[in-house]
Amino acid sequence: MGMCTDMMRLSSLTSQKYDLEYQSQLITDTKMQLTRSASELTRVGTDLDPGSPAYAELTKRTERLHAMEKKLDKQLQENDVRLKAIDTEMQSVQGMLSKNIQSSFKYGSM
């Protein structure tokens, strides 16, 4: 019974790990798009007069994009922490599974 539970837990953890890795990939892609957009706004802003309303609007938009990037960075850090926790638990479950397998073979050989 223990082996079955360990296998199911390992499968669940593996699924969670892949989901988090996929989320991290999506966050990274979104962050790259935001960075490109901010760079484009900065490039466009170089042609404008720093005192103009259009320049002020571009500056506000750029600041919003940078704030969004920071939020995405925080999400990535949270995902990294969760991934490390899942990896640790996976190692623990794999150890228990190995012990269950060893004890099953010892029981069967007696």
N, C-alpha and C. Protein backbone atom coordinates (compact mmCIF):
# COMPACT_ATOMS: atom_id res chain seq x y z
N MET A 1 0.82 -1.19 0.00
CA MET A 1 0.00 0.00 0.00
C MET A 1 0.86 1.26 0.00
N GLY A 2 1.99 1.25 0.75
CA GLY A 2 2.87 2.41 0.83
C GLY A 2 3.47 2.78 -0.51
N MET A 3 3.83 1.75 -1.29
CA MET A 3 4.43 2.04 -2.60
C MET A 3 3.44 2.73 -3.51
N CYS A 4 2.21 2.31 -3.48
CA CYS A 4 1.17 2.91 -4.32
C CYS A 4 0.99 4.38 -3.94
N THR A 5 0.93 4.65 -2.65
CA THR A 5 0.78 6.02 -2.17
C THR A 5 1.98 6.86 -2.56
N ASP A 6 3.17 6.31 -2.41
CA ASP A 6 4.38 7.04 -2.78
C ASP A 6 4.40 7.34 -4.27
N MET A 7 4.00 6.38 -5.08
CA MET A 7 3.98 6.60 -6.53
C MET A 7 2.97 7.69 -6.91
N MET A 8 1.81 7.64 -6.26
CA MET A 8 0.79 8.67 -6.55
C MET A 8 1.29 10.05 -6.12
N ARG A 9 1.93 10.12 -4.96
CA ARG A 9 2.47 11.41 -4.47
C ARG A 9 3.57 11.91 -5.39
N LEU A 10 4.43 11.03 -5.82
CA LEU A 10 5.50 11.40 -6.73
C LEU A 10 4.93 11.92 -8.06
N SER A 11 3.90 11.27 -8.55
CA SER A 11 3.24 11.70 -9.78
C SER A 11 2.62 13.08 -9.59
N SER A 12 1.98 13.29 -8.46
CA SER A 12 1.36 14.59 -8.17
C SER A 12 2.42 15.70 -8.08
N LEU A 13 3.52 15.41 -7.40
CA LEU A 13 4.60 16.39 -7.27
C LEU A 13 5.23 16.71 -8.62
N THR A 14 5.40 15.68 -9.44
CA THR A 14 5.95 15.89 -10.77
C THR A 14 5.05 16.80 -11.60
N SER A 15 3.75 16.57 -11.51
CA SER A 15 2.79 17.41 -12.21
C SER A 15 2.86 18.86 -11.73
N GLN A 16 2.92 19.03 -10.40
CA GLN A 16 3.03 20.38 -9.84
C GLN A 16 4.31 21.07 -10.30
N LYS A 17 5.39 20.31 -10.34
CA LYS A 17 6.68 20.86 -10.77
C LYS A 17 6.60 21.33 -12.23
N TYR A 18 6.03 20.50 -13.10
CA TYR A 18 5.91 20.89 -14.50
C TYR A 18 5.00 22.10 -14.68
N ASP A 19 3.93 22.17 -13.89
CA ASP A 19 3.04 23.33 -13.96
C ASP A 19 3.77 24.62 -13.56
N LEU A 20 4.54 24.54 -12.48
CA LEU A 20 5.29 25.72 -12.03
C LEU A 20 6.37 26.12 -13.04
N GLU A 21 7.03 25.14 -13.62
CA GLU A 21 8.04 25.44 -14.63
C GLU A 21 7.41 26.10 -15.85
N TYR A 22 6.23 25.63 -16.23
CA TYR A 22 5.51 26.24 -17.36
C TYR A 22 5.09 27.66 -17.02
N GLN A 23 4.57 27.87 -15.81
CA GLN A 23 4.20 29.22 -15.38
C GLN A 23 5.41 30.14 -15.40
N SER A 24 6.53 29.65 -14.92
CA SER A 24 7.75 30.45 -14.92
C SER A 24 8.17 30.82 -16.34
N GLN A 25 8.00 29.89 -17.25
CA GLN A 25 8.34 30.16 -18.65
C GLN A 25 7.41 31.25 -19.21
N LEU A 26 6.13 31.16 -18.91
CA LEU A 26 5.18 32.17 -19.38
C LEU A 26 5.50 33.55 -18.77
N ILE A 27 5.84 33.55 -17.49
CA ILE A 27 6.19 34.81 -16.84
C ILE A 27 7.44 35.41 -17.48
N THR A 28 8.42 34.58 -17.75
CA THR A 28 9.66 35.06 -18.38
C THR A 28 9.37 35.63 -19.76
N ASP A 29 8.53 34.95 -20.54
CA ASP A 29 8.17 35.45 -21.87
C ASP A 29 7.45 36.79 -21.77
N THR A 30 6.53 36.90 -20.82
CA THR A 30 5.80 38.15 -20.63
C THR A 30 6.75 39.26 -20.22
N LYS A 31 7.67 38.94 -19.34
CA LYS A 31 8.64 39.93 -18.88
C LYS A 31 9.50 40.43 -20.05
N MET A 32 9.90 39.53 -20.92
CA MET A 32 10.69 39.93 -22.09
C MET A 32 9.89 40.87 -22.99
N GLN A 33 8.60 40.58 -23.15
CA GLN A 33 7.75 41.45 -23.96
C GLN A 33 7.62 42.84 -23.32
N LEU A 34 7.48 42.87 -22.00
CA LEU A 34 7.41 44.15 -21.30
C LEU A 34 8.70 44.93 -21.46
N THR A 35 9.82 44.24 -21.38
CA THR A 35 11.12 44.90 -21.53
C THR A 35 11.26 45.49 -22.93
N ARG A 36 10.82 44.73 -23.93
CA ARG A 36 10.85 45.25 -25.31
C ARG A 36 9.97 46.49 -25.45
N SER A 37 8.79 46.42 -24.85
CA SER A 37 7.87 47.55 -24.94
C SER A 37 8.45 48.78 -24.24
N ALA A 38 9.04 48.59 -23.08
CA ALA A 38 9.65 49.70 -22.36
C ALA A 38 10.80 50.30 -23.16
N SER A 39 11.60 49.44 -23.78
CA SER A 39 12.71 49.92 -24.61
C SER A 39 12.20 50.72 -25.80
N GLU A 40 11.12 50.23 -26.39
CA GLU A 40 10.53 50.93 -27.53
C GLU A 40 10.00 52.30 -27.10
N LEU A 41 9.34 52.35 -25.97
CA LEU A 41 8.84 53.64 -25.47
C LEU A 41 9.99 54.60 -25.19
N THR A 42 11.06 54.08 -24.62
CA THR A 42 12.23 54.92 -24.34
C THR A 42 12.84 55.43 -25.65
N ARG A 43 12.90 54.56 -26.65
CA ARG A 43 13.46 54.97 -27.94
C ARG A 43 12.60 56.05 -28.58
N VAL A 44 11.30 55.89 -28.53
CA VAL A 44 10.38 56.89 -29.09
C VAL A 44 10.50 58.20 -28.32
N GLY A 45 10.68 58.09 -27.00
CA GLY A 45 10.75 59.28 -26.17
C GLY A 45 11.99 60.12 -26.40
N THR A 46 13.02 59.57 -27.00
CA THR A 46 14.25 60.35 -27.23
C THR A 46 14.03 61.45 -28.25
N ASP A 47 13.03 61.30 -29.09
CA ASP A 47 12.74 62.31 -30.10
C ASP A 47 11.83 63.42 -29.58
N LEU A 48 11.31 63.27 -28.38
CA LEU A 48 10.35 64.23 -27.84
C LEU A 48 11.03 65.23 -26.91
N ASP A 49 10.39 66.38 -26.77
CA ASP A 49 10.85 67.41 -25.85
C ASP A 49 10.53 66.95 -24.42
N PRO A 50 11.52 66.93 -23.52
CA PRO A 50 11.28 66.46 -22.16
C PRO A 50 10.17 67.19 -21.40
N GLY A 51 9.80 68.37 -21.82
CA GLY A 51 8.75 69.11 -21.16
C GLY A 51 7.37 68.90 -21.76
N SER A 52 7.29 68.13 -22.83
CA SER A 52 6.02 67.95 -23.52
C SER A 52 5.12 66.95 -22.79
N PRO A 53 3.80 67.10 -22.97
CA PRO A 53 2.86 66.15 -22.36
C PRO A 53 3.06 64.72 -22.88
N ALA A 54 3.41 64.59 -24.15
CA ALA A 54 3.62 63.26 -24.73
C ALA A 54 4.80 62.57 -24.05
N TYR A 55 5.85 63.32 -23.77
CA TYR A 55 7.01 62.76 -23.08
C TYR A 55 6.63 62.32 -21.67
N ALA A 56 5.85 63.13 -20.99
CA ALA A 56 5.40 62.78 -19.64
C ALA A 56 4.56 61.50 -19.66
N GLU A 57 3.70 61.38 -20.66
CA GLU A 57 2.87 60.18 -20.79
C GLU A 57 3.72 58.94 -21.06
N LEU A 58 4.70 59.09 -21.94
CA LEU A 58 5.60 57.96 -22.21
C LEU A 58 6.38 57.56 -20.96
N THR A 59 6.78 58.54 -20.19
CA THR A 59 7.50 58.25 -18.95
C THR A 59 6.62 57.49 -17.97
N LYS A 60 5.37 57.90 -17.84
CA LYS A 60 4.43 57.19 -16.96
C LYS A 60 4.22 55.76 -17.42
N ARG A 61 4.06 55.58 -18.72
CA ARG A 61 3.86 54.22 -19.25
C ARG A 61 5.08 53.35 -19.01
N THR A 62 6.24 53.94 -19.21
CA THR A 62 7.48 53.19 -18.98
C THR A 62 7.59 52.78 -17.52
N GLU A 63 7.25 53.70 -16.62
CA GLU A 63 7.29 53.38 -15.19
C GLU A 63 6.31 52.26 -14.85
N ARG A 64 5.12 52.28 -15.46
CA ARG A 64 4.14 51.21 -15.22
C ARG A 64 4.68 49.87 -15.71
N LEU A 65 5.34 49.90 -16.86
CA LEU A 65 5.91 48.66 -17.39
C LEU A 65 7.00 48.12 -16.46
N HIS A 66 7.81 49.02 -15.93
CA HIS A 66 8.86 48.58 -14.99
C HIS A 66 8.24 48.02 -13.70
N ALA A 67 7.14 48.63 -13.25
CA ALA A 67 6.46 48.11 -12.06
C ALA A 67 5.91 46.71 -12.33
N MET A 68 5.37 46.51 -13.52
CA MET A 68 4.87 45.18 -13.89
C MET A 68 6.01 44.17 -13.94
N GLU A 69 7.16 44.60 -14.45
CA GLU A 69 8.32 43.71 -14.49
C GLU A 69 8.73 43.28 -13.08
N LYS A 70 8.68 44.22 -12.14
CA LYS A 70 9.03 43.89 -10.76
C LYS A 70 8.05 42.88 -10.17
N LYS A 71 6.77 43.02 -10.48
CA LYS A 71 5.77 42.05 -10.01
C LYS A 71 6.06 40.68 -10.59
N LEU A 72 6.42 40.65 -11.87
CA LEU A 72 6.74 39.37 -12.50
C LEU A 72 7.99 38.76 -11.88
N ASP A 73 8.97 39.60 -11.56
CA ASP A 73 10.18 39.10 -10.89
C ASP A 73 9.83 38.46 -9.55
N LYS A 74 8.91 39.10 -8.82
CA LYS A 74 8.49 38.55 -7.54
C LYS A 74 7.79 37.20 -7.73
N GLN A 75 6.95 37.10 -8.75
CA GLN A 75 6.28 35.83 -9.04
C GLN A 75 7.29 34.75 -9.39
N LEU A 76 8.31 35.12 -10.17
CA LEU A 76 9.35 34.15 -10.52
C LEU A 76 10.09 33.67 -9.28
N GLN A 77 10.38 34.58 -8.37
CA GLN A 77 11.06 34.19 -7.13
C GLN A 77 10.18 33.26 -6.30
N GLU A 78 8.89 33.57 -6.23
CA GLU A 78 7.97 32.70 -5.50
C GLU A 78 7.91 31.31 -6.14
N ASN A 79 7.87 31.27 -7.46
CA ASN A 79 7.87 29.98 -8.15
C ASN A 79 9.15 29.21 -7.87
N ASP A 80 10.29 29.90 -7.85
CA ASP A 80 11.56 29.24 -7.56
C ASP A 80 11.55 28.62 -6.17
N VAL A 81 11.01 29.34 -5.19
CA VAL A 81 10.94 28.81 -3.83
C VAL A 81 10.04 27.57 -3.81
N ARG A 82 8.90 27.66 -4.48
CA ARG A 82 7.99 26.52 -4.53
C ARG A 82 8.62 25.33 -5.25
N LEU A 83 9.35 25.60 -6.33
CA LEU A 83 10.03 24.52 -7.05
C LEU A 83 11.07 23.83 -6.17
N LYS A 84 11.81 24.61 -5.39
CA LYS A 84 12.80 24.01 -4.50
C LYS A 84 12.12 23.14 -3.45
N ALA A 85 10.99 23.61 -2.93
CA ALA A 85 10.25 22.82 -1.94
C ALA A 85 9.74 21.52 -2.56
N ILE A 86 9.24 21.61 -3.78
CA ILE A 86 8.76 20.40 -4.47
C ILE A 86 9.91 19.44 -4.73
N ASP A 87 11.06 19.96 -5.16
CA ASP A 87 12.22 19.09 -5.39
C ASP A 87 12.63 18.37 -4.10
N THR A 88 12.63 19.10 -3.00
CA THR A 88 12.99 18.50 -1.71
C THR A 88 12.00 17.40 -1.34
N GLU A 89 10.72 17.68 -1.52
CA GLU A 89 9.71 16.67 -1.19
C GLU A 89 9.79 15.47 -2.13
N MET A 90 10.10 15.74 -3.40
CA MET A 90 10.25 14.63 -4.35
C MET A 90 11.39 13.72 -3.93
N GLN A 91 12.49 14.29 -3.49
CA GLN A 91 13.62 13.49 -3.04
C GLN A 91 13.23 12.64 -1.84
N SER A 92 12.45 13.25 -0.94
CA SER A 92 11.99 12.51 0.24
C SER A 92 11.09 11.34 -0.16
N VAL A 93 10.15 11.61 -1.06
CA VAL A 93 9.23 10.56 -1.50
C VAL A 93 9.99 9.46 -2.24
N GLN A 94 10.96 9.85 -3.06
CA GLN A 94 11.75 8.85 -3.77
C GLN A 94 12.54 7.97 -2.79
N GLY A 95 13.03 8.59 -1.71
CA GLY A 95 13.73 7.81 -0.69
C GLY A 95 12.79 6.82 -0.01
N MET A 96 11.58 7.29 0.32
CA MET A 96 10.61 6.38 0.95
C MET A 96 10.21 5.27 0.00
N LEU A 97 10.08 5.61 -1.28
CA LEU A 97 9.71 4.61 -2.28
C LEU A 97 10.81 3.55 -2.39
N SER A 98 12.05 3.99 -2.39
CA SER A 98 13.17 3.04 -2.44
C SER A 98 13.17 2.12 -1.23
N LYS A 99 12.91 2.70 -0.06
CA LYS A 99 12.86 1.88 1.16
C LYS A 99 11.72 0.88 1.09
N ASN A 100 10.56 1.31 0.57
CA ASN A 100 9.43 0.40 0.43
C ASN A 100 9.74 -0.74 -0.53
N ILE A 101 10.44 -0.42 -1.62
CA ILE A 101 10.80 -1.45 -2.59
C ILE A 101 11.78 -2.44 -1.95
N GLN A 102 12.77 -1.92 -1.24
CA GLN A 102 13.73 -2.79 -0.58
C GLN A 102 13.06 -3.70 0.45
N SER A 103 12.15 -3.11 1.24
CA SER A 103 11.49 -3.94 2.25
C SER A 103 10.56 -4.97 1.60
N SER A 104 9.99 -4.65 0.46
CA SER A 104 9.13 -5.62 -0.25
C SER A 104 9.96 -6.80 -0.74
N PHE A 105 11.15 -6.54 -1.25
CA PHE A 105 11.98 -7.63 -1.73
C PHE A 105 12.51 -8.46 -0.56
N LYS A 106 12.80 -7.82 0.56
CA LYS A 106 13.26 -8.56 1.73
C LYS A 106 12.14 -9.43 2.24
N TYR A 107 10.93 -8.92 2.26
CA TYR A 107 9.77 -9.68 2.75
C TYR A 107 9.51 -10.88 1.84
N GLY A 108 9.62 -10.65 0.53
CA GLY A 108 9.34 -11.72 -0.42
C GLY A 108 10.41 -12.81 -0.42
N SER A 109 11.64 -12.48 -0.01
CA SER A 109 12.72 -13.46 -0.04
C SER A 109 12.79 -14.29 1.23
N MET A 110 12.02 -13.95 2.24
CA MET A 110 12.05 -14.72 3.49
C MET A 110 11.21 -15.92 3.44
